[in-house]
Amino acid sequence: MTYTASHRYCRIAPRKVRLVVDMIRGMDVARAMSTLDFSPRRGAVFVKVVLKSAIANAEERDADVGSLFIKETKVDEGPTIKRFQPKDRGRSHAIKKRTSHIHVTVAERKA
């Protein structure tokens, strides 16, 4: 049985979150939480929130939390918010504020 959680329209670039997500893929839940606690990257905070939600979804359906592991993690690109920065001589430069959709799936490890 698998349990999923996601955070959509997260205001961080997908490229930055993928570094964190690749680091914890396949780990058991306790080790992944510990790794995210000590990670200096900003994306670790967002991934930790999604992982906690996936664990809560598993608990709600009476899963054994001690045997959970991260089965699948995925970061998709969300819509890009476009802004403009004024520059000299009447010009403007585009600023792209990227968003991402973070998905985490946990499953029970068979004993």
Protein backbone atom coordinates (compact mmCIF):
# COMPACT_ATOMS: atom_id res chain seq x y z
CA MET A 1 0.00 0.00 0.00
CA THR A 2 1.31 3.46 -0.87
CA TYR A 3 0.52 6.82 0.69
CA THR A 4 1.03 10.10 -1.14
CA ALA A 5 1.25 13.79 -0.26
CA SER A 6 1.99 16.84 -2.39
CA HIS A 7 2.64 20.57 -2.17
CA ARG A 8 1.55 22.43 -5.26
CA TYR A 9 2.59 25.92 -6.34
CA CYS A 10 5.56 25.95 -3.97
CA ARG A 11 7.54 29.20 -4.47
CA ILE A 12 10.95 27.68 -5.08
CA ALA A 13 12.58 26.66 -8.36
CA PRO A 14 12.18 22.95 -9.20
CA ARG A 15 15.88 22.63 -9.96
CA LYS A 16 16.74 23.52 -6.35
CA VAL A 17 14.20 21.14 -4.81
CA ARG A 18 15.27 18.22 -7.02
CA LEU A 19 18.70 18.25 -5.36
CA VAL A 20 17.05 17.61 -1.98
CA VAL A 21 14.53 15.09 -3.27
CA ASP A 22 17.20 13.00 -5.02
CA MET A 23 19.13 12.86 -1.75
CA ILE A 24 16.34 11.15 0.24
CA ARG A 25 14.79 8.87 -2.40
CA GLY A 26 14.72 5.23 -1.22
CA MET A 27 15.57 6.00 2.43
CA ASP A 28 13.47 4.86 5.35
CA VAL A 29 11.33 7.64 6.81
CA ALA A 30 13.24 8.18 10.07
CA ARG A 31 16.58 8.53 8.30
CA ALA A 32 15.09 10.84 5.68
CA MET A 33 13.62 13.13 8.36
CA SER A 34 17.02 13.27 10.09
CA THR A 35 18.75 14.06 6.79
CA LEU A 36 16.28 16.85 6.03
CA ASP A 37 16.73 18.31 9.53
CA PHE A 38 20.45 18.81 8.97
CA SER A 39 20.35 19.81 5.31
CA PRO A 40 21.37 23.46 4.75
CA ARG A 41 19.24 23.78 1.59
CA ARG A 42 16.03 25.83 1.66
CA GLY A 43 14.15 23.14 -0.30
CA ALA A 44 14.62 20.70 2.58
CA VAL A 45 12.03 22.63 4.61
CA PHE A 46 9.37 22.22 1.91
CA VAL A 47 10.16 18.53 1.34
CA LYS A 48 10.05 17.84 5.08
CA VAL A 49 6.54 19.30 5.33
CA VAL A 50 5.35 17.09 2.45
CA LEU A 51 7.02 14.01 3.98
CA LYS A 52 5.32 14.66 7.33
CA SER A 53 1.99 14.88 5.51
CA ALA A 54 2.60 11.56 3.73
CA ILE A 55 3.44 9.92 7.07
CA ALA A 56 0.25 11.34 8.60
CA ASN A 57 -1.75 9.96 5.67
CA ALA A 58 -0.21 6.54 6.32
CA GLU A 59 -1.00 6.72 10.06
CA GLU A 60 -4.58 7.63 9.26
CA ARG A 61 -4.96 4.37 7.35
CA ASP A 62 -3.38 2.29 10.17
CA ALA A 63 -0.01 1.67 8.51
CA ASP A 64 3.07 0.58 10.46
CA VAL A 65 5.06 3.84 10.57
CA GLY A 66 8.26 2.05 11.59
CA SER A 67 8.41 0.16 8.30
CA LEU A 68 7.73 3.10 5.96
CA PHE A 69 10.24 4.10 3.31
CA ILE A 70 10.23 6.72 0.55
CA LYS A 71 9.12 4.87 -2.55
CA GLU A 72 8.87 7.76 -5.01
CA THR A 73 9.66 11.46 -5.01
CA LYS A 74 8.93 13.80 -7.85
CA VAL A 75 9.24 17.53 -8.48
CA ASP A 76 7.32 19.01 -11.39
CA GLU A 77 7.54 22.55 -12.70
CA GLY A 78 4.61 24.78 -11.80
CA PRO A 79 3.55 28.01 -13.45
CA THR A 80 6.18 30.74 -13.72
CA ILE A 81 5.30 34.14 -12.29
CA LYS A 82 6.66 36.86 -14.58
CA ARG A 83 7.82 40.21 -13.19
CA PHE A 84 9.79 43.09 -14.67
CA GLN A 85 12.69 45.04 -13.17
CA PRO A 86 13.18 48.61 -14.42
CA LYS A 87 16.63 49.30 -15.84
CA ASP A 88 18.46 52.33 -17.15
CA ARG A 89 17.29 54.39 -20.15
CA GLY A 90 13.70 53.15 -20.02
CA ARG A 91 14.52 49.47 -20.44
CA SER A 92 13.22 46.58 -18.39
CA HIS A 93 14.48 43.08 -17.69
CA ALA A 94 12.21 40.09 -17.11
CA ILE A 95 12.38 38.22 -13.81
CA LYS A 96 10.98 34.69 -13.79
CA LYS A 97 9.80 33.51 -10.39
CA ARG A 98 9.52 29.76 -10.74
CA THR A 99 7.17 27.51 -8.80
CA SER A 100 7.17 23.77 -8.32
CA HIS A 101 4.90 20.86 -7.42
CA ILE A 102 6.49 18.48 -4.88
CA HIS A 103 5.13 14.91 -4.64
CA VAL A 104 6.26 12.31 -2.07
CA THR A 105 5.05 8.68 -1.95
CA VAL A 106 5.83 6.38 0.99
CA ALA A 107 5.17 2.65 1.20
CA GLU A 108 5.48 -0.12 3.78
CA ARG A 109 8.55 -2.31 3.49
CA LYS A 110 7.71 -6.00 3.46
CA ALA A 111 9.30 -7.89 6.34
